[in-house]
């Protein structure tokens, strides 16, 4: 299994959750497969192979990461890959998905399980990660679907948008330029669709 390049590690207090978007072949014509309008919902209810899973983690008062590995519910192997961005011995809040629990135990992370909003209080909640997931879903709706083969490039974009949210435009530009100076990749305009513009957006 090819390991993905993590941009940084989240530490201390971390909220982890996942969201799902409909698998989309936007921009591709497949023989024998009827086309459909952008934004068309999945044919099957609930979680199925028509849904792409986006795993997300948000460090309280810190950075966030979003990554897709699979369809339907995340498997242990997917969570294990994703957990490389989480520092050992961190305190992690999750929704109780079994795949998270086993991996977090191996990383010696304390895991607080929150099964519903009724168990939330001023300290124990998933409000930060839920806010991030709402941002992703809003963007996905705005784009009327995203070609699934590019989903991790968009995940990188969603991450950057949250990092720079509320920043002054000049400050944002300085941070982006600082980040770009660390990437020694040169390309022509016609190559933009093929190049990986972010070091952690490997498809």
N, C-alpha and C. Protein backbone atom coordinates (compact mmCIF):
# COMPACT_ATOMS: atom_id res chain seq x y z
N UNK A 1 0.84 -1.19 0.00
CA UNK A 1 0.00 0.00 0.00
C UNK A 1 0.88 1.25 0.00
N UNK A 2 0.61 2.17 -0.93
CA UNK A 2 1.40 3.39 -1.03
C UNK A 2 1.02 4.35 0.08
N UNK A 3 2.02 4.82 0.83
CA UNK A 3 1.75 5.75 1.92
C UNK A 3 1.57 7.16 1.37
N UNK A 4 0.64 7.89 1.95
CA UNK A 4 0.44 9.27 1.53
C UNK A 4 1.34 10.19 2.33
N UNK A 5 1.70 11.31 1.75
CA UNK A 5 2.63 12.25 2.38
C UNK A 5 1.86 13.20 3.29
N UNK A 6 2.04 13.08 4.60
CA UNK A 6 1.32 13.94 5.54
C UNK A 6 2.00 15.30 5.62
N UNK A 7 1.21 16.40 5.69
CA UNK A 7 1.80 17.74 5.73
C UNK A 7 2.39 18.09 7.09
N UNK A 8 1.76 17.56 8.15
CA UNK A 8 2.20 17.81 9.52
C UNK A 8 1.44 16.85 10.43
N UNK A 9 1.82 16.82 11.68
CA UNK A 9 1.13 15.96 12.64
C UNK A 9 0.28 16.81 13.58
N UNK A 10 -0.93 16.34 13.83
CA UNK A 10 -1.80 16.98 14.79
C UNK A 10 -1.51 16.39 16.16
N UNK A 11 -1.61 17.20 17.19
CA UNK A 11 -1.23 16.74 18.52
C UNK A 11 -2.15 17.30 19.60
N UNK A 12 -1.98 16.83 20.80
CA UNK A 12 -2.73 17.25 21.99
C UNK A 12 -4.21 16.93 21.87
N UNK A 13 -5.08 17.91 21.63
CA UNK A 13 -6.52 17.70 21.61
C UNK A 13 -7.03 17.68 20.17
N UNK A 14 -7.59 16.54 19.75
CA UNK A 14 -7.95 16.34 18.34
C UNK A 14 -9.36 15.77 18.22
N UNK A 15 -10.13 16.30 17.29
CA UNK A 15 -11.46 15.76 16.99
C UNK A 15 -11.40 15.05 15.64
N UNK A 16 -11.94 13.84 15.59
CA UNK A 16 -11.89 13.03 14.36
C UNK A 16 -13.31 12.60 13.97
N UNK A 17 -13.62 12.76 12.71
CA UNK A 17 -14.92 12.32 12.20
C UNK A 17 -14.81 12.14 10.69
N UNK A 18 -15.88 11.72 10.07
CA UNK A 18 -15.85 11.51 8.62
C UNK A 18 -17.15 12.01 8.00
N UNK A 19 -17.08 12.29 6.71
CA UNK A 19 -18.27 12.65 5.95
C UNK A 19 -18.23 11.89 4.63
N UNK A 20 -19.33 11.92 3.91
CA UNK A 20 -19.43 11.13 2.67
C UNK A 20 -19.98 12.00 1.54
N UNK A 21 -19.40 11.85 0.36
CA UNK A 21 -19.88 12.55 -0.83
C UNK A 21 -20.15 11.52 -1.92
N UNK A 22 -21.05 11.84 -2.81
CA UNK A 22 -21.43 10.90 -3.86
C UNK A 22 -20.31 10.73 -4.88
N UNK A 23 -20.02 9.47 -5.21
CA UNK A 23 -19.00 9.18 -6.23
C UNK A 23 -19.39 9.85 -7.53
N UNK A 24 -18.44 10.52 -8.16
CA UNK A 24 -18.74 11.32 -9.34
C UNK A 24 -17.71 11.08 -10.44
N UNK A 25 -18.20 10.89 -11.65
CA UNK A 25 -17.32 10.72 -12.82
C UNK A 25 -17.35 11.97 -13.69
N UNK A 26 -17.49 13.08 -13.08
CA UNK A 26 -17.60 14.37 -13.76
C UNK A 26 -16.46 14.56 -14.75
N UNK A 27 -16.78 14.91 -16.00
CA UNK A 27 -15.75 15.16 -17.01
C UNK A 27 -15.31 13.93 -17.77
N UNK A 28 -15.89 12.75 -17.43
CA UNK A 28 -15.51 11.52 -18.12
C UNK A 28 -16.73 10.87 -18.77
N UNK A 29 -16.56 10.38 -19.97
CA UNK A 29 -17.62 9.66 -20.66
C UNK A 29 -17.27 8.18 -20.66
N UNK A 30 -18.13 7.36 -20.07
CA UNK A 30 -17.87 5.93 -19.94
C UNK A 30 -18.85 5.16 -20.82
N UNK A 31 -18.31 4.36 -21.70
CA UNK A 31 -19.14 3.60 -22.63
C UNK A 31 -20.03 2.62 -21.87
N UNK A 32 -21.31 2.63 -22.21
CA UNK A 32 -22.25 1.73 -21.57
C UNK A 32 -22.77 2.22 -20.24
N UNK A 33 -22.30 3.41 -19.82
CA UNK A 33 -22.74 3.98 -18.55
C UNK A 33 -23.50 5.27 -18.84
N UNK A 34 -24.80 5.32 -18.57
CA UNK A 34 -25.59 6.51 -18.90
C UNK A 34 -25.14 7.73 -18.10
N UNK A 35 -25.12 8.88 -18.76
CA UNK A 35 -24.73 10.11 -18.09
C UNK A 35 -25.84 10.59 -17.16
N UNK A 36 -25.49 11.48 -16.25
CA UNK A 36 -26.49 12.06 -15.36
C UNK A 36 -26.10 13.49 -15.03
N UNK A 37 -27.07 14.27 -14.61
CA UNK A 37 -26.82 15.67 -14.32
C UNK A 37 -25.95 15.80 -13.08
N UNK A 38 -25.15 16.89 -13.07
CA UNK A 38 -24.29 17.14 -11.91
C UNK A 38 -25.14 17.35 -10.66
N UNK A 39 -24.66 16.79 -9.57
CA UNK A 39 -25.37 16.95 -8.31
C UNK A 39 -26.46 15.92 -8.09
N UNK A 40 -26.60 14.96 -9.02
CA UNK A 40 -27.61 13.91 -8.86
C UNK A 40 -27.26 13.04 -7.65
N UNK A 41 -28.22 12.80 -6.74
CA UNK A 41 -27.93 11.99 -5.56
C UNK A 41 -27.66 10.53 -5.91
N UNK A 42 -27.08 9.80 -4.97
CA UNK A 42 -26.81 8.38 -5.16
C UNK A 42 -28.12 7.61 -5.29
N UNK A 43 -28.07 6.50 -6.02
CA UNK A 43 -29.27 5.69 -6.22
C UNK A 43 -29.63 4.89 -4.98
N UNK A 44 -28.61 4.50 -4.20
CA UNK A 44 -28.84 3.69 -3.01
C UNK A 44 -28.86 4.57 -1.76
N UNK A 45 -29.74 4.24 -0.83
CA UNK A 45 -29.80 4.96 0.43
C UNK A 45 -28.66 4.52 1.35
N UNK A 46 -28.29 5.42 2.27
CA UNK A 46 -27.26 5.07 3.24
C UNK A 46 -25.88 4.95 2.61
N UNK A 47 -24.98 4.25 3.32
CA UNK A 47 -23.61 4.11 2.87
C UNK A 47 -23.48 2.93 1.89
N UNK A 48 -22.83 3.19 0.78
CA UNK A 48 -22.63 2.16 -0.23
C UNK A 48 -21.38 2.52 -1.02
N UNK A 49 -21.09 1.75 -2.06
CA UNK A 49 -19.93 2.02 -2.90
C UNK A 49 -20.11 3.27 -3.75
N UNK A 50 -21.30 3.88 -3.68
CA UNK A 50 -21.55 5.13 -4.38
C UNK A 50 -21.11 6.33 -3.56
N UNK A 51 -20.67 6.09 -2.33
CA UNK A 51 -20.26 7.17 -1.44
C UNK A 51 -18.76 7.14 -1.15
N UNK A 52 -18.09 8.26 -1.37
CA UNK A 52 -16.67 8.40 -1.05
C UNK A 52 -16.53 8.89 0.38
N UNK A 53 -15.73 8.22 1.17
CA UNK A 53 -15.51 8.62 2.56
C UNK A 53 -14.37 9.63 2.65
N UNK A 54 -14.62 10.74 3.35
CA UNK A 54 -13.58 11.73 3.61
C UNK A 54 -13.30 11.73 5.11
N UNK A 55 -12.15 11.21 5.50
CA UNK A 55 -11.73 11.21 6.90
C UNK A 55 -11.15 12.58 7.24
N UNK A 56 -11.55 13.11 8.39
CA UNK A 56 -11.06 14.44 8.79
C UNK A 56 -10.62 14.43 10.24
N UNK A 57 -9.64 15.26 10.52
CA UNK A 57 -9.16 15.45 11.90
C UNK A 57 -8.86 16.93 12.09
N UNK A 58 -9.32 17.48 13.21
CA UNK A 58 -9.10 18.90 13.51
C UNK A 58 -8.47 19.01 14.89
N UNK A 59 -7.33 19.67 14.94
CA UNK A 59 -6.68 19.94 16.22
C UNK A 59 -7.30 21.21 16.79
N UNK A 60 -7.77 21.14 18.01
CA UNK A 60 -8.38 22.32 18.61
C UNK A 60 -7.36 23.46 18.67
N UNK A 61 -7.78 24.61 18.18
CA UNK A 61 -6.90 25.78 18.08
C UNK A 61 -5.68 25.47 17.24
N UNK A 62 -5.87 24.66 16.18
CA UNK A 62 -4.73 24.29 15.34
C UNK A 62 -5.15 23.92 13.93
N UNK A 63 -4.33 23.09 13.31
CA UNK A 63 -4.54 22.72 11.91
C UNK A 63 -5.58 21.62 11.75
N UNK A 64 -5.87 21.31 10.50
CA UNK A 64 -6.82 20.24 10.19
C UNK A 64 -6.31 19.46 8.98
N UNK A 65 -6.83 18.26 8.79
CA UNK A 65 -6.43 17.42 7.66
C UNK A 65 -7.66 16.66 7.17
N UNK A 66 -7.79 16.55 5.84
CA UNK A 66 -8.85 15.75 5.24
C UNK A 66 -8.22 14.84 4.20
N UNK A 67 -8.70 13.59 4.14
CA UNK A 67 -8.12 12.62 3.21
C UNK A 67 -9.13 11.53 2.87
N UNK A 68 -9.13 11.10 1.63
CA UNK A 68 -10.00 10.01 1.19
C UNK A 68 -9.17 8.79 0.80
N UNK A 69 -9.61 7.61 1.26
CA UNK A 69 -8.93 6.37 0.93
C UNK A 69 -9.87 5.34 0.31
N UNK A 70 -11.17 5.45 0.59
CA UNK A 70 -12.06 4.35 0.26
C UNK A 70 -13.48 4.83 0.02
N UNK A 71 -14.36 3.86 -0.25
CA UNK A 71 -15.79 4.13 -0.34
C UNK A 71 -16.47 3.47 0.85
N UNK A 72 -17.69 3.96 1.17
CA UNK A 72 -18.47 3.46 2.31
C UNK A 72 -17.70 3.68 3.63
N UNK A 73 -17.99 2.86 4.64
CA UNK A 73 -17.38 3.07 5.95
C UNK A 73 -15.88 2.83 5.90
N UNK A 74 -15.09 3.63 6.65
CA UNK A 74 -13.64 3.43 6.65
C UNK A 74 -13.23 2.12 7.30
N UNK A 75 -12.31 1.41 6.64
CA UNK A 75 -11.78 0.16 7.19
C UNK A 75 -10.61 0.48 8.13
N UNK A 76 -10.20 -0.53 8.88
CA UNK A 76 -9.09 -0.34 9.82
C UNK A 76 -7.83 0.09 9.08
N UNK A 77 -7.56 -0.52 7.91
CA UNK A 77 -6.38 -0.16 7.13
C UNK A 77 -6.40 1.31 6.72
N UNK A 78 -7.58 1.82 6.38
CA UNK A 78 -7.71 3.22 5.99
C UNK A 78 -7.46 4.14 7.18
N UNK A 79 -8.05 3.79 8.32
CA UNK A 79 -7.85 4.59 9.53
C UNK A 79 -6.39 4.55 9.97
N UNK A 80 -5.76 3.39 9.81
CA UNK A 80 -4.34 3.25 10.16
C UNK A 80 -3.49 4.18 9.32
N UNK A 81 -3.79 4.25 8.02
CA UNK A 81 -3.08 5.18 7.12
C UNK A 81 -3.31 6.62 7.57
N UNK A 82 -4.57 6.94 7.83
CA UNK A 82 -4.92 8.31 8.20
C UNK A 82 -4.31 8.71 9.54
N UNK A 83 -4.23 7.75 10.46
CA UNK A 83 -3.76 8.06 11.81
C UNK A 83 -2.28 8.45 11.87
N UNK A 84 -1.57 8.32 10.75
CA UNK A 84 -0.17 8.76 10.73
C UNK A 84 -0.06 10.26 10.96
N UNK A 85 -1.17 10.99 10.75
CA UNK A 85 -1.14 12.44 10.96
C UNK A 85 -1.45 12.80 12.42
N UNK A 86 -1.70 11.79 13.25
CA UNK A 86 -2.02 12.03 14.66
C UNK A 86 -0.85 11.61 15.54
N UNK A 87 -0.40 12.50 16.37
CA UNK A 87 0.72 12.23 17.27
C UNK A 87 0.31 11.22 18.33
N UNK A 88 1.24 10.32 18.68
CA UNK A 88 0.99 9.35 19.75
C UNK A 88 0.67 10.07 21.06
N UNK A 89 -0.14 9.41 21.89
CA UNK A 89 -0.51 9.90 23.22
C UNK A 89 -1.33 11.19 23.19
N UNK A 90 -2.00 11.45 22.08
CA UNK A 90 -2.89 12.61 22.00
C UNK A 90 -4.23 12.26 22.65
N UNK A 91 -5.02 13.28 22.90
CA UNK A 91 -6.39 13.07 23.42
C UNK A 91 -7.33 13.26 22.24
N UNK A 92 -8.13 12.22 21.92
CA UNK A 92 -8.93 12.25 20.70
C UNK A 92 -10.41 12.01 20.99
N UNK A 93 -11.24 12.85 20.40
CA UNK A 93 -12.69 12.68 20.48
C UNK A 93 -13.16 12.06 19.18
N UNK A 94 -13.99 11.00 19.24
CA UNK A 94 -14.54 10.35 18.05
C UNK A 94 -16.02 10.04 18.29
N UNK A 95 -16.66 9.54 17.21
CA UNK A 95 -18.08 9.18 17.32
C UNK A 95 -18.27 7.70 17.67
N UNK A 96 -17.20 7.00 17.99
CA UNK A 96 -17.32 5.61 18.43
C UNK A 96 -17.16 4.57 17.35
N UNK A 97 -16.77 4.97 16.14
CA UNK A 97 -16.54 4.00 15.07
C UNK A 97 -15.46 3.01 15.51
N UNK A 98 -15.74 1.72 15.41
CA UNK A 98 -14.82 0.68 15.91
C UNK A 98 -13.43 0.78 15.27
N UNK A 99 -13.35 1.16 14.01
CA UNK A 99 -12.06 1.25 13.33
C UNK A 99 -11.14 2.27 14.00
N UNK A 100 -11.72 3.35 14.55
CA UNK A 100 -10.92 4.37 15.23
C UNK A 100 -10.35 3.82 16.53
N UNK A 101 -11.18 3.13 17.28
CA UNK A 101 -10.80 2.72 18.63
C UNK A 101 -9.56 1.84 18.65
N UNK A 102 -9.52 0.83 17.78
CA UNK A 102 -8.38 -0.09 17.77
C UNK A 102 -7.09 0.63 17.40
N UNK A 103 -7.15 1.50 16.40
CA UNK A 103 -5.96 2.22 15.95
C UNK A 103 -5.47 3.19 17.01
N UNK A 104 -6.39 3.90 17.66
CA UNK A 104 -6.01 4.87 18.69
C UNK A 104 -5.41 4.17 19.91
N UNK A 105 -5.88 2.97 20.21
CA UNK A 105 -5.29 2.19 21.32
C UNK A 105 -3.83 1.87 21.02
N UNK A 106 -3.54 1.50 19.77
CA UNK A 106 -2.16 1.19 19.37
C UNK A 106 -1.27 2.42 19.46
N UNK A 107 -1.84 3.61 19.25
CA UNK A 107 -1.07 4.85 19.32
C UNK A 107 -1.06 5.42 20.74
N UNK A 108 -1.64 4.66 21.67
CA UNK A 108 -1.71 5.05 23.08
C UNK A 108 -2.37 6.43 23.26
N UNK A 109 -3.40 6.65 22.45
CA UNK A 109 -4.18 7.89 22.54
C UNK A 109 -5.39 7.64 23.44
N UNK A 110 -5.68 8.59 24.30
CA UNK A 110 -6.90 8.50 25.08
C UNK A 110 -8.07 8.88 24.18
N UNK A 111 -9.10 8.05 24.14
CA UNK A 111 -10.20 8.25 23.20
C UNK A 111 -11.51 8.47 23.95
N UNK A 112 -12.09 9.65 23.79
CA UNK A 112 -13.40 9.96 24.37
C UNK A 112 -14.45 9.78 23.28
N UNK A 113 -15.40 8.86 23.50
CA UNK A 113 -16.42 8.56 22.50
C UNK A 113 -17.68 9.37 22.78
N UNK A 114 -18.17 10.04 21.74
CA UNK A 114 -19.38 10.84 21.83
C UNK A 114 -20.39 10.29 20.82
N UNK A 115 -21.38 9.60 21.30
CA UNK A 115 -22.31 8.90 20.41
C UNK A 115 -23.41 9.81 19.86
N UNK A 116 -23.69 10.93 20.55
CA UNK A 116 -24.73 11.85 20.07
C UNK A 116 -24.51 13.24 20.66
N UNK A 117 -25.30 14.20 20.16
CA UNK A 117 -25.22 15.57 20.66
C UNK A 117 -25.58 15.65 22.14
N UNK A 118 -26.37 14.71 22.62
CA UNK A 118 -26.79 14.72 24.02
C UNK A 118 -25.60 14.54 24.97
N UNK A 119 -24.53 13.92 24.47
CA UNK A 119 -23.35 13.69 25.32
C UNK A 119 -22.36 14.84 25.25
N UNK A 120 -22.69 15.90 24.49
CA UNK A 120 -21.79 17.05 24.36
C UNK A 120 -21.86 17.94 25.60
N UNK A 121 -20.73 18.55 25.93
CA UNK A 121 -20.69 19.61 26.93
C UNK A 121 -19.64 20.62 26.48
N UNK A 122 -19.25 21.53 27.34
CA UNK A 122 -18.33 22.59 26.94
C UNK A 122 -16.94 22.08 26.57
N UNK A 123 -16.58 20.89 27.03
CA UNK A 123 -15.26 20.31 26.74
C UNK A 123 -15.36 19.15 25.76
N UNK A 124 -16.30 18.28 26.01
CA UNK A 124 -16.45 17.07 25.19
C UNK A 124 -17.46 17.31 24.06
N UNK A 125 -16.95 17.52 22.87
CA UNK A 125 -17.81 17.76 21.71
C UNK A 125 -17.00 17.55 20.43
N UNK A 126 -17.71 17.55 19.30
CA UNK A 126 -17.08 17.45 17.99
C UNK A 126 -17.42 18.67 17.14
N UNK A 127 -17.62 19.79 17.81
CA UNK A 127 -18.07 21.00 17.10
C UNK A 127 -17.07 21.51 16.07
N UNK A 128 -15.79 21.41 16.37
CA UNK A 128 -14.77 21.92 15.45
C UNK A 128 -14.71 21.09 14.17
N UNK A 129 -14.69 19.78 14.33
CA UNK A 129 -14.62 18.92 13.15
C UNK A 129 -15.94 18.96 12.38
N UNK A 130 -17.08 19.08 13.09
CA UNK A 130 -18.37 19.17 12.42
C UNK A 130 -18.47 20.46 11.59
N UNK A 131 -17.89 21.53 12.09
CA UNK A 131 -17.86 22.79 11.35
C UNK A 131 -17.05 22.62 10.05
N UNK A 132 -15.94 21.91 10.15
CA UNK A 132 -15.10 21.64 8.98
C UNK A 132 -15.86 20.78 7.97
N UNK A 133 -16.57 19.77 8.46
CA UNK A 133 -17.34 18.90 7.58
C UNK A 133 -18.47 19.67 6.88
N UNK A 134 -19.07 20.61 7.59
CA UNK A 134 -20.11 21.45 6.98
C UNK A 134 -19.53 22.30 5.86
N UNK A 135 -18.31 22.79 6.07
CA UNK A 135 -17.63 23.58 5.03
C UNK A 135 -17.39 22.73 3.79
N UNK A 136 -16.93 21.49 3.99
CA UNK A 136 -16.68 20.59 2.86
C UNK A 136 -17.96 20.31 2.09
N UNK A 137 -19.04 20.01 2.81
CA UNK A 137 -20.30 19.70 2.15
C UNK A 137 -20.85 20.91 1.39
N UNK A 138 -20.69 22.10 1.97
CA UNK A 138 -21.16 23.32 1.31
C UNK A 138 -20.40 23.57 0.01
N UNK A 139 -19.07 23.35 0.05
CA UNK A 139 -18.26 23.53 -1.15
C UNK A 139 -18.61 22.49 -2.21
N UNK A 140 -18.81 21.26 -1.75
CA UNK A 140 -19.15 20.18 -2.67
C UNK A 140 -20.47 20.48 -3.39
N UNK A 141 -21.44 21.00 -2.64
CA UNK A 141 -22.73 21.37 -3.22
C UNK A 141 -22.58 22.53 -4.20
N UNK A 142 -21.75 23.49 -3.83
CA UNK A 142 -21.49 24.64 -4.70
C UNK A 142 -20.89 24.22 -6.03
N UNK A 143 -19.97 23.24 -6.00
CA UNK A 143 -19.32 22.75 -7.21
C UNK A 143 -20.21 21.80 -8.02
N UNK A 144 -21.36 21.41 -7.43
CA UNK A 144 -22.28 20.44 -8.05
C UNK A 144 -21.57 19.13 -8.38
N UNK A 145 -20.80 18.67 -7.42
CA UNK A 145 -20.07 17.42 -7.59
C UNK A 145 -18.62 17.67 -7.97
N UNK A 146 -17.76 16.75 -7.54
CA UNK A 146 -16.33 16.82 -7.83
C UNK A 146 -15.90 15.48 -8.39
N UNK A 147 -15.15 15.48 -9.46
CA UNK A 147 -14.65 14.22 -10.02
C UNK A 147 -13.88 13.47 -8.95
N UNK A 148 -14.30 12.25 -8.65
CA UNK A 148 -13.73 11.50 -7.54
C UNK A 148 -12.24 11.25 -7.68
N UNK A 149 -11.73 11.21 -8.92
CA UNK A 149 -10.29 10.96 -9.08
C UNK A 149 -9.46 12.15 -8.60
N UNK A 150 -10.10 13.31 -8.43
CA UNK A 150 -9.41 14.49 -7.92
C UNK A 150 -9.78 14.82 -6.48
N UNK A 151 -10.48 13.92 -5.80
CA UNK A 151 -11.03 14.24 -4.49
C UNK A 151 -9.98 14.69 -3.48
N UNK A 152 -8.78 14.09 -3.52
CA UNK A 152 -7.77 14.48 -2.53
C UNK A 152 -7.13 15.82 -2.83
N UNK A 153 -7.18 16.25 -4.08
CA UNK A 153 -6.73 17.62 -4.38
C UNK A 153 -7.71 18.62 -3.77
N UNK A 154 -9.00 18.30 -3.87
CA UNK A 154 -10.00 19.17 -3.27
C UNK A 154 -9.92 19.11 -1.75
N UNK A 155 -9.61 17.94 -1.19
CA UNK A 155 -9.44 17.84 0.26
C UNK A 155 -8.32 18.77 0.73
N UNK A 156 -7.25 18.86 -0.07
CA UNK A 156 -6.15 19.77 0.26
C UNK A 156 -6.63 21.21 0.20
N UNK A 157 -7.46 21.53 -0.79
CA UNK A 157 -8.02 22.88 -0.91
C UNK A 157 -8.91 23.21 0.28
N UNK A 158 -9.77 22.28 0.68
CA UNK A 158 -10.65 22.51 1.83
C UNK A 158 -9.82 22.78 3.09
N UNK A 159 -8.72 22.02 3.23
CA UNK A 159 -7.84 22.20 4.39
C UNK A 159 -7.23 23.60 4.40
N UNK A 160 -6.73 24.04 3.26
CA UNK A 160 -6.14 25.38 3.16
C UNK A 160 -7.17 26.46 3.43
N UNK A 161 -8.37 26.29 2.91
CA UNK A 161 -9.42 27.28 3.12
C UNK A 161 -9.71 27.46 4.60
N UNK A 162 -9.74 26.35 5.33
CA UNK A 162 -10.00 26.46 6.77
C UNK A 162 -8.82 27.09 7.50
N UNK A 163 -7.61 26.75 7.09
CA UNK A 163 -6.41 27.31 7.73
C UNK A 163 -6.37 28.83 7.58
N UNK A 164 -6.78 29.33 6.41
CA UNK A 164 -6.67 30.76 6.12
C UNK A 164 -7.96 31.52 6.36
N UNK A 165 -8.97 30.85 6.92
CA UNK A 165 -10.26 31.48 7.16
C UNK A 165 -10.13 32.69 8.08
N UNK A 166 -10.66 33.82 7.64
CA UNK A 166 -10.64 35.04 8.46
C UNK A 166 -9.34 35.82 8.43
N UNK A 167 -8.34 35.34 7.67
CA UNK A 167 -7.06 36.03 7.60
C UNK A 167 -7.13 37.25 6.68
N UNK A 168 -6.32 38.23 6.98
CA UNK A 168 -6.14 39.37 6.09
C UNK A 168 -5.52 38.88 4.78
N UNK A 169 -5.93 39.44 3.64
CA UNK A 169 -5.46 38.96 2.34
C UNK A 169 -3.94 39.04 2.19
N UNK A 170 -3.32 40.08 2.75
CA UNK A 170 -1.86 40.21 2.65
C UNK A 170 -1.16 39.14 3.48
N UNK A 171 -1.68 38.89 4.66
CA UNK A 171 -1.11 37.85 5.52
C UNK A 171 -1.26 36.48 4.86
N UNK A 172 -2.43 36.25 4.25
CA UNK A 172 -2.69 34.99 3.56
C UNK A 172 -1.70 34.80 2.41
N UNK A 173 -1.47 35.86 1.64
CA UNK A 173 -0.53 35.79 0.51
C UNK A 173 0.87 35.46 0.97
N UNK A 174 1.31 36.07 2.08
CA UNK A 174 2.66 35.81 2.61
C UNK A 174 2.81 34.34 3.01
N UNK A 175 1.79 33.79 3.68
CA UNK A 175 1.85 32.40 4.11
C UNK A 175 1.87 31.44 2.93
N UNK A 176 1.06 31.74 1.90
CA UNK A 176 1.03 30.89 0.71
C UNK A 176 2.37 30.92 -0.01
N UNK A 177 2.96 32.12 -0.15
CA UNK A 177 4.26 32.25 -0.81
C UNK A 177 5.35 31.51 -0.02
N UNK A 178 5.28 31.59 1.31
CA UNK A 178 6.25 30.89 2.16
C UNK A 178 6.15 29.39 1.94
N UNK A 179 4.91 28.89 1.83
CA UNK A 179 4.71 27.46 1.61
C UNK A 179 5.19 27.03 0.24
N UNK A 180 4.92 27.84 -0.77
CA UNK A 180 5.30 27.51 -2.14
C UNK A 180 6.82 27.49 -2.32
N UNK A 181 7.55 28.32 -1.56
CA UNK A 181 9.02 28.35 -1.68
C UNK A 181 9.64 27.02 -1.27
N UNK A 182 8.92 26.23 -0.48
CA UNK A 182 9.44 24.94 -0.03
C UNK A 182 9.20 23.84 -1.06
N UNK A 183 8.40 24.16 -2.09
CA UNK A 183 8.08 23.17 -3.12
C UNK A 183 8.85 23.50 -4.38
N UNK A 184 9.86 22.72 -4.69
CA UNK A 184 10.71 22.99 -5.85
C UNK A 184 10.19 22.23 -7.06
N UNK A 185 9.02 22.65 -7.53
CA UNK A 185 8.40 22.02 -8.69
C UNK A 185 8.05 23.12 -9.69
N UNK A 186 8.47 22.97 -10.93
CA UNK A 186 8.18 23.94 -11.95
C UNK A 186 7.32 23.29 -13.02
N UNK A 187 6.33 24.01 -13.52
CA UNK A 187 5.43 23.41 -14.50
C UNK A 187 4.86 24.49 -15.43
N UNK A 188 4.35 24.03 -16.57
CA UNK A 188 3.68 24.91 -17.51
C UNK A 188 2.19 24.96 -17.18
N UNK A 189 1.49 25.99 -17.64
CA UNK A 189 0.07 26.14 -17.37
C UNK A 189 -0.71 24.90 -17.82
N UNK A 190 -0.33 24.34 -18.97
CA UNK A 190 -1.05 23.17 -19.48
C UNK A 190 -0.89 21.94 -18.61
N UNK A 191 0.07 21.97 -17.68
CA UNK A 191 0.31 20.82 -16.81
C UNK A 191 -0.45 20.89 -15.49
N UNK A 192 -1.14 22.00 -15.24
CA UNK A 192 -1.76 22.21 -13.93
C UNK A 192 -2.68 21.07 -13.54
N UNK A 193 -3.43 20.54 -14.50
CA UNK A 193 -4.37 19.48 -14.17
C UNK A 193 -3.66 18.19 -13.75
N UNK A 194 -2.42 18.02 -14.18
CA UNK A 194 -1.70 16.79 -13.88
C UNK A 194 -0.80 16.92 -12.67
N UNK A 195 -0.30 18.14 -12.40
CA UNK A 195 0.65 18.31 -11.31
C UNK A 195 -0.05 18.31 -9.95
N UNK A 196 0.65 17.86 -8.95
CA UNK A 196 0.17 17.90 -7.57
C UNK A 196 0.60 19.24 -6.98
N UNK A 197 -0.35 20.16 -6.80
CA UNK A 197 -0.01 21.51 -6.38
C UNK A 197 0.29 21.62 -4.90
N UNK A 198 -0.13 20.63 -4.11
CA UNK A 198 0.16 20.64 -2.69
C UNK A 198 0.92 19.37 -2.33
N UNK A 199 1.91 19.45 -1.48
CA UNK A 199 2.71 18.27 -1.15
C UNK A 199 1.92 17.18 -0.48
N UNK A 200 0.72 17.49 0.08
CA UNK A 200 -0.06 16.48 0.76
C UNK A 200 -1.32 16.13 -0.01
N UNK A 201 -1.38 16.48 -1.28
CA UNK A 201 -2.57 16.17 -2.08
C UNK A 201 -2.24 15.12 -3.13
N UNK A 202 -1.66 14.03 -2.70
CA UNK A 202 -1.23 12.98 -3.61
C UNK A 202 -2.41 12.10 -3.96
N UNK A 203 -2.69 11.94 -5.25
CA UNK A 203 -3.82 11.14 -5.70
C UNK A 203 -3.31 9.81 -6.23
